[in-house]
Amino acid sequence: MDDPLVRYRPYLAMMLLFGVVLAGTIYFLRRPEPMPLTITTPTLRPTATLASIIVDVRGAVSKPGVYTLPLGSRVQDALALAGDALNDADLRPLNLARKLNDGEQIYVSLVGEATPAPAPARGVAARTPTLKPTPGLININTAAVAELDALPGIGPSLAQRIVDYRAQNGDFKKLDDLKKVRGIGDALFDQIKDAITIQ
């Protein structure tokens, strides 16, 4: 008996081959594209230069002079660069943990020294000190740290806080504004209010 599919076998084979080719084509067209391989070379960013400050260290230190320190340095860092304080130096008036400002002068006095007067740098003419004895009132809008430090109850760190507050917020508009400085309460303000002015 003849197989009736014999004459359709070539057509069936062609249809099967066509189906396989069609399925393969669909599979390759629908598969996700492979992510292109990209090689990125890191671009070198310009390194930010560390901000620095310059301070002048004078008085009872091993190597007085002008030093460059990183921003955020403290008084103790400046003294270390200047070879530390001498044996007869009086460090009590200094706040060694206070942050330094650019252009600041640190004066280390000797034990028993009455008024700290910065010594002139070598080769530089001595400057006339800008601090005057304070027979009058101290202007809290223009006074330097040393002048404010002369007020009763105000130490070097609190004097620096007053100067920093003034630099950030502008001049004091009235004497009572001084109480906005951290560390100055009513009692301390009452103690110094007759010695200060804003004019």
C-alpha atoms as a PDB file:
ATOM      1  CA  MET A   1       0.000   0.000   0.000  1.00  0.00           C
ATOM      2  CA  ASP A   2       1.379   3.309  -1.016  1.00  0.00           C
ATOM      3  CA  ASP A   3       1.919   5.925   1.664  1.00  0.00           C
ATOM      4  CA  PRO A   4      -0.364   8.875   0.762  1.00  0.00           C
ATOM      5  CA  LEU A   5       2.060  11.354   2.393  1.00  0.00           C
ATOM      6  CA  VAL A   6       4.957  10.395   0.147  1.00  0.00           C
ATOM      7  CA  ARG A   7       4.148  12.938  -2.469  1.00  0.00           C
ATOM      8  CA  TYR A   8       3.663  15.699   0.214  1.00  0.00           C
ATOM      9  CA  ARG A   9       6.916  14.941   2.044  1.00  0.00           C
ATOM     10  CA  PRO A  10       8.977  17.538   0.151  1.00  0.00           C
ATOM     11  CA  TYR A  11       6.326  20.179   0.892  1.00  0.00           C
ATOM     12  CA  LEU A  12       6.179  19.164   4.545  1.00  0.00           C
ATOM     13  CA  ALA A  13       9.966  19.319   4.790  1.00  0.00           C
ATOM     14  CA  MET A  14       9.989  22.763   3.196  1.00  0.00           C
ATOM     15  CA  MET A  15       7.229  23.971   5.542  1.00  0.00           C
ATOM     16  CA  LEU A  16       9.083  22.560   8.545  1.00  0.00           C
ATOM     17  CA  LEU A  17      12.305  24.235   7.401  1.00  0.00           C
ATOM     18  CA  PHE A  18      10.424  27.499   6.811  1.00  0.00           C
ATOM     19  CA  GLY A  19       8.901  27.261  10.329  1.00  0.00           C
ATOM     20  CA  VAL A  20      12.320  26.694  11.880  1.00  0.00           C
ATOM     21  CA  VAL A  21      13.807  29.628   9.963  1.00  0.00           C
ATOM     22  CA  LEU A  22      10.834  31.829  10.890  1.00  0.00           C
ATOM     23  CA  ALA A  23      11.050  30.870  14.589  1.00  0.00           C
ATOM     24  CA  GLY A  24      14.792  31.521  14.594  1.00  0.00           C
ATOM     25  CA  THR A  25      14.328  34.896  12.911  1.00  0.00           C
ATOM     26  CA  ILE A  26      11.663  35.921  15.442  1.00  0.00           C
ATOM     27  CA  TYR A  27      13.856  34.751  18.320  1.00  0.00           C
ATOM     28  CA  PHE A  28      16.862  36.782  17.120  1.00  0.00           C
ATOM     29  CA  LEU A  29      14.771  39.873  16.389  1.00  0.00           C
ATOM     30  CA  ARG A  30      13.022  39.845  19.760  1.00  0.00           C
ATOM     31  CA  ARG A  31      15.971  39.069  22.012  1.00  0.00           C
ATOM     32  CA  PRO A  32      17.274  42.097  23.975  1.00  0.00           C
ATOM     33  CA  GLU A  33      20.113  44.017  22.485  1.00  0.00           C
ATOM     34  CA  PRO A  34      23.334  43.354  24.316  1.00  0.00           C
ATOM     35  CA  MET A  35      24.523  46.407  26.178  1.00  0.00           C
ATOM     36  CA  PRO A  36      27.367  47.971  24.269  1.00  0.00           C
ATOM     37  CA  LEU A  37      30.590  47.643  26.141  1.00  0.00           C
ATOM     38  CA  THR A  38      31.903  51.102  26.834  1.00  0.00           C
ATOM     39  CA  ILE A  39      35.222  51.646  28.458  1.00  0.00           C
ATOM     40  CA  THR A  40      35.376  54.920  30.271  1.00  0.00           C
ATOM     41  CA  THR A  41      38.645  56.332  31.343  1.00  0.00           C
ATOM     42  CA  PRO A  42      38.394  58.491  34.419  1.00  0.00           C
ATOM     43  CA  THR A  43      38.887  62.141  33.678  1.00  0.00           C
ATOM     44  CA  LEU A  44      41.193  63.797  36.100  1.00  0.00           C
ATOM     45  CA  ARG A  45      39.468  66.614  37.884  1.00  0.00           C
ATOM     46  CA  PRO A  46      41.589  69.518  38.875  1.00  0.00           C
ATOM     47  CA  THR A  47      42.433  69.015  42.489  1.00  0.00           C
ATOM     48  CA  ALA A  48      41.019  71.726  44.652  1.00  0.00           C
ATOM     49  CA  THR A  49      43.780  73.664  46.287  1.00  0.00           C
ATOM     50  CA  LEU A  50      43.427  73.633  50.009  1.00  0.00           C
ATOM     51  CA  ALA A  51      42.475  77.019  51.308  1.00  0.00           C
ATOM     52  CA  SER A  52      45.142  78.466  53.527  1.00  0.00           C
ATOM     53  CA  ILE A  53      45.602  81.342  55.913  1.00  0.00           C
ATOM     54  CA  ILE A  54      48.644  83.378  56.859  1.00  0.00           C
ATOM     55  CA  VAL A  55      49.328  84.292  60.478  1.00  0.00           C
ATOM     56  CA  ASP A  56      52.077  86.205  62.228  1.00  0.00           C
ATOM     57  CA  VAL A  57      53.436  84.559  65.399  1.00  0.00           C
ATOM     58  CA  ARG A  58      55.404  86.875  67.704  1.00  0.00           C
ATOM     59  CA  GLY A  59      56.714  87.055  71.237  1.00  0.00           C
ATOM     60  CA  ALA A  60      58.008  84.214  73.386  1.00  0.00           C
ATOM     61  CA  VAL A  61      58.312  81.500  70.717  1.00  0.00           C
ATOM     62  CA  SER A  62      61.375  79.749  69.340  1.00  0.00           C
ATOM     63  CA  LYS A  63      60.961  80.920  65.731  1.00  0.00           C
ATOM     64  CA  PRO A  64      58.777  84.029  65.431  1.00  0.00           C
ATOM     65  CA  GLY A  65      57.609  84.777  61.924  1.00  0.00           C
ATOM     66  CA  VAL A  66      54.840  84.618  59.349  1.00  0.00           C
ATOM     67  CA  TYR A  67      53.431  81.156  58.681  1.00  0.00           C
ATOM     68  CA  THR A  68      50.991  79.650  56.185  1.00  0.00           C
ATOM     69  CA  LEU A  69      48.537  77.131  57.631  1.00  0.00           C
ATOM     70  CA  PRO A  70      45.524  75.250  56.266  1.00  0.00           C
ATOM     71  CA  LEU A  71      42.141  76.897  56.736  1.00  0.00           C
ATOM     72  CA  GLY A  72      40.624  75.816  60.039  1.00  0.00           C
ATOM     73  CA  SER A  73      43.963  75.647  61.864  1.00  0.00           C
ATOM     74  CA  ARG A  74      44.084  76.502  65.541  1.00  0.00           C
ATOM     75  CA  VAL A  75      46.358  78.672  67.685  1.00  0.00           C
ATOM     76  CA  GLN A  76      48.200  75.562  68.858  1.00  0.00           C
ATOM     77  CA  ASP A  77      49.046  74.661  65.230  1.00  0.00           C
ATOM     78  CA  ALA A  78      50.593  78.090  64.668  1.00  0.00           C
ATOM     79  CA  LEU A  79      52.659  77.795  67.844  1.00  0.00           C
ATOM     80  CA  ALA A  80      53.901  74.374  66.743  1.00  0.00           C
ATOM     81  CA  LEU A  81      55.122  75.864  63.444  1.00  0.00           C
ATOM     82  CA  ALA A  82      56.861  78.626  65.363  1.00  0.00           C
ATOM     83  CA  GLY A  83      58.831  76.064  67.345  1.00  0.00           C
ATOM     84  CA  ASP A  84      56.516  76.142  70.385  1.00  0.00           C
ATOM     85  CA  ALA A  85      56.503  78.610  73.244  1.00  0.00           C
ATOM     86  CA  LEU A  86      59.598  79.322  75.303  1.00  0.00           C
ATOM     87  CA  ASN A  87      59.895  78.036  78.872  1.00  0.00           C
ATOM     88  CA  ASP A  88      59.115  81.452  80.377  1.00  0.00           C
ATOM     89  CA  ALA A  89      56.115  82.075  78.084  1.00  0.00           C
ATOM     90  CA  ASP A  90      52.702  82.775  79.583  1.00  0.00           C
ATOM     91  CA  LEU A  91      50.133  80.784  77.592  1.00  0.00           C
ATOM     92  CA  ARG A  92      47.236  81.481  79.967  1.00  0.00           C
ATOM     93  CA  PRO A  93      45.853  84.450  77.959  1.00  0.00           C
ATOM     94  CA  LEU A  94      45.787  82.365  74.776  1.00  0.00           C
ATOM     95  CA  ASN A  95      42.988  80.012  73.793  1.00  0.00           C
ATOM     96  CA  LEU A  96      45.043  77.293  72.113  1.00  0.00           C
ATOM     97  CA  ALA A  97      41.925  75.670  70.630  1.00  0.00           C
ATOM     98  CA  ARG A  98      40.652  78.836  68.898  1.00  0.00           C
ATOM     99  CA  LYS A  99      40.455  78.772  65.089  1.00  0.00           C
ATOM    100  CA  LEU A 100      42.711  81.251  63.347  1.00  0.00           C
ATOM    101  CA  ASN A 101      41.715  83.966  60.890  1.00  0.00           C
ATOM    102  CA  ASP A 102      43.743  85.056  57.886  1.00  0.00           C
ATOM    103  CA  GLY A 103      46.092  87.944  58.630  1.00  0.00           C
ATOM    104  CA  GLU A 104      45.899  87.458  62.387  1.00  0.00           C
ATOM    105  CA  GLN A 105      48.788  88.061  64.741  1.00  0.00           C
ATOM    106  CA  ILE A 106      49.385  85.808  67.736  1.00  0.00           C
ATOM    107  CA  TYR A 107      51.465  87.315  70.477  1.00  0.00           C
ATOM    108  CA  VAL A 108      52.882  85.051  73.210  1.00  0.00           C
ATOM    109  CA  SER A 109      53.791  87.114  76.246  1.00  0.00           C
ATOM    110  CA  LEU A 110      56.393  86.322  78.880  1.00  0.00           C
ATOM    111  CA  VAL A 111      55.386  85.502  82.431  1.00  0.00           C
ATOM    112  CA  GLY A 112      54.893  88.797  84.249  1.00  0.00           C
ATOM    113  CA  GLU A 113      54.862  90.878  81.060  1.00  0.00           C
ATOM    114  CA  ALA A 114      52.414  93.745  81.616  1.00  0.00           C
ATOM    115  CA  THR A 115      51.252  94.652  78.142  1.00  0.00           C
ATOM    116  CA  PRO A 116      51.790  92.373  75.191  1.00  0.00           C
ATOM    117  CA  ALA A 117      53.403  94.448  72.464  1.00  0.00           C
ATOM    118  CA  PRO A 118      54.216  92.602  69.249  1.00  0.00           C
ATOM    119  CA  ALA A 119      57.905  92.645  68.372  1.00  0.00           C
ATOM    120  CA  PRO A 120      58.669  93.866  64.848  1.00  0.00           C
ATOM    121  CA  ALA A 121      59.733  91.285  62.292  1.00  0.00           C
ATOM    122  CA  ARG A 122      63.378  91.296  61.210  1.00  0.00           C
ATOM    123  CA  GLY A 123      63.991  93.891  58.545  1.00  0.00           C
ATOM    124  CA  VAL A 124      60.602  95.513  59.049  1.00  0.00           C
ATOM    125  CA  ALA A 125      60.203  98.843  60.752  1.00  0.00           C
ATOM    126  CA  ALA A 126      58.334  98.707  64.030  1.00  0.00           C
ATOM    127  CA  ARG A 127      54.707  99.734  63.751  1.00  0.00           C
ATOM    128  CA  THR A 128      53.076 102.087  66.161  1.00  0.00           C
ATOM    129  CA  PRO A 129      50.600  99.988  68.093  1.00  0.00           C
ATOM    130  CA  THR A 130      47.013 100.791  67.170  1.00  0.00           C
ATOM    131  CA  LEU A 131      45.817  99.948  70.657  1.00  0.00           C
ATOM    132  CA  LYS A 132      45.503 102.956  72.887  1.00  0.00           C
ATOM    133  CA  PRO A 133      45.211 102.883  76.605  1.00  0.00           C
ATOM    134  CA  THR A 134      41.484 102.951  77.169  1.00  0.00           C
ATOM    135  CA  PRO A 135      40.652 106.017  79.184  1.00  0.00           C
ATOM    136  CA  GLY A 136      37.460 106.337  77.109  1.00  0.00           C
ATOM    137  CA  LEU A 137      34.879 103.878  75.905  1.00  0.00           C
ATOM    138  CA  ILE A 138      35.650 100.906  73.666  1.00  0.00           C
ATOM    139  CA  ASN A 139      33.738 100.910  70.390  1.00  0.00           C
ATOM    140  CA  ILE A 140      32.456  97.337  69.972  1.00  0.00           C
ATOM    141  CA  ASN A 141      31.954  97.949  66.227  1.00  0.00           C
ATOM    142  CA  THR A 142      35.614  98.728  65.537  1.00  0.00           C
ATOM    143  CA  ALA A 143      37.574  97.245  68.455  1.00  0.00           C
ATOM    144  CA  ALA A 144      40.147  94.525  67.797  1.00  0.00           C
ATOM    145  CA  VAL A 145      40.321  91.330  69.821  1.00  0.00           C
ATOM    146  CA  ALA A 146      43.004  92.746  72.141  1.00  0.00           C
ATOM    147  CA  GLU A 147      40.886  95.829  72.928  1.00  0.00           C
ATOM    148  CA  LEU A 148      37.804  93.749  73.691  1.00  0.00           C
ATOM    149  CA  ASP A 149      39.921  91.406  75.799  1.00  0.00           C
ATOM    150  CA  ALA A 150      40.732  94.387  78.039  1.00  0.00           C
ATOM    151  CA  LEU A 151      37.068  94.616  79.112  1.00  0.00           C
ATOM    152  CA  PRO A 152      36.281  93.088  82.504  1.00  0.00           C
ATOM    153  CA  GLY A 153      35.027  89.508  82.224  1.00  0.00           C
ATOM    154  CA  ILE A 154      35.897  89.224  78.510  1.00  0.00           C
ATOM    155  CA  GLY A 155      38.713  86.807  77.735  1.00  0.00           C
ATOM    156  CA  PRO A 156      40.499  86.247  74.422  1.00  0.00           C
ATOM    157  CA  SER A 157      38.034  83.602  73.221  1.00  0.00           C
ATOM    158  CA  LEU A 158      34.958  85.716  74.005  1.00  0.00           C
ATOM    159  CA  ALA A 159      36.623  88.750  72.417  1.00  0.00           C
ATOM    160  CA  GLN A 160      37.237  86.670  69.276  1.00  0.00           C
ATOM    161  CA  ARG A 161      33.581  85.567  69.335  1.00  0.00           C
ATOM    162  CA  ILE A 162      32.491  89.227  69.369  1.00  0.00           C
ATOM    163  CA  VAL A 163      34.711  90.009  66.365  1.00  0.00           C
ATOM    164  CA  ASP A 164      33.472  86.899  64.517  1.00  0.00           C
ATOM    165  CA  TYR A 165      29.827  87.789  65.235  1.00  0.00           C
ATOM    166  CA  ARG A 166      30.431  91.322  63.963  1.00  0.00           C
ATOM    167  CA  ALA A 167      32.066  89.977  60.780  1.00  0.00           C
ATOM    168  CA  GLN A 168      29.116  87.679  60.069  1.00  0.00           C
ATOM    169  CA  ASN A 169      26.221  89.960  61.072  1.00  0.00           C
ATOM    170  CA  GLY A 170      27.521  93.499  60.588  1.00  0.00           C
ATOM    171  CA  ASP A 171      27.879  96.282  63.129  1.00  0.00           C
ATOM    172  CA  PHE A 172      25.974  96.251  66.386  1.00  0.00           C
ATOM    173  CA  LYS A 173      23.011  98.637  66.114  1.00  0.00           C
ATOM    174  CA  LYS A 174      22.572  99.076  69.883  1.00  0.00           C
ATOM    175  CA  LEU A 175      24.570  98.067  72.918  1.00  0.00           C
ATOM    176  CA  ASP A 176      22.032  95.365  73.887  1.00  0.00           C
ATOM    177  CA  ASP A 177      22.844  93.554  70.618  1.00  0.00           C
ATOM    178  CA  LEU A 178      26.087  92.439  72.263  1.00  0.00           C
ATOM    179  CA  LYS A 179      24.000  89.930  74.253  1.00  0.00           C
ATOM    180  CA  LYS A 180      23.379  88.052  70.980  1.00  0.00           C
ATOM    181  CA  VAL A 181      26.985  86.863  71.128  1.00  0.00           C
ATOM    182  CA  ARG A 182      27.168  83.395  72.656  1.00  0.00           C
ATOM    183  CA  GLY A 183      28.568  83.662  76.180  1.00  0.00           C
ATOM    184  CA  ILE A 184      27.420  87.197  76.963  1.00  0.00           C
ATOM    185  CA  GLY A 185      24.463  87.172  79.314  1.00  0.00           C
ATOM    186  CA  ASP A 186      22.730  89.887  81.299  1.00  0.00           C
ATOM    187  CA  ALA A 187      25.200  89.750  84.218  1.00  0.00           C
ATOM    188  CA  LEU A 188      28.291  90.098  82.006  1.00  0.00           C
ATOM    189  CA  PHE A 189      26.629  92.788  79.897  1.00  0.00           C
ATOM    190  CA  ASP A 190      25.789  94.809  83.028  1.00  0.00           C
ATOM    191  CA  GLN A 191      29.437  94.509  84.039  1.00  0.00           C
ATOM    192  CA  ILE A 192      30.781  96.008  80.777  1.00  0.00           C
ATOM    193  CA  LYS A 193      27.974  98.242  79.458  1.00  0.00           C
ATOM    194  CA  ASP A 194      29.442 101.416  80.973  1.00  0.00           C
ATOM    195  CA  ALA A 195      32.805 100.779  79.258  1.00  0.00           C
ATOM    196  CA  ILE A 196      31.540 100.247  75.691  1.00  0.00           C
ATOM    197  CA  THR A 197      29.972 102.278  72.904  1.00  0.00           C
ATOM    198  CA  ILE A 198      28.803 101.717  69.324  1.00  0.00           C
ATOM    199  CA  GLN A 199      29.823 105.176  68.046  1.00  0.00           C
END
